[in-house]
Amino acid sequence: MDGKTGEWIGEQLGYHHVTVRRWVARYNAAGIVGLWDQPRSGQPTKLAREQEAAFRARLEAGPQPGDGVSVLHGEDIRRILEREFGAVYSLDSVYVLLRRLGYAPLRPRPVHPKSDPEANAQWMAQAPLLSSR
């Protein structure tokens, strides 16, 4: 509106001049509302949004006796999603889902319930050197 070109505006904002032209076209067609983000199409999630709370509760409950594991790993979670929620995910997609739900894929190594920290410390203190340094 001030006589500036799309190329100049793009340079000032760090956008390509074609992007600026698209903005102008959207503004001319619908006014300021035309510049708002529009809904984007995409593949719906395999785990329904209504099931996310139940899935979170299942993860927070930890491994169940029928899982056959003491700690849930990605492949275990993938099986739970398929068996209990009817959602078939690849392993990579399981980690994407976990991140989206606020979970971090890395967890501390589990500690065996029968481990004895004092005995471990004593063994480390008395163990022979494992290297020649």
Foldseek 3Di string as FASTA:
>chain_A
DPPDALCVVCVVVVHHSVVSVVQVVLCVVPNPVSNDDDDDDDDDALQDPVCPVVLVVVVVVADDPVLVDRGDALVSSQVCCCPVRVGHDDSVVSCVVCVVVPHHRDDDDDDDPPDDVVVVVVCVVPPDDPDPD
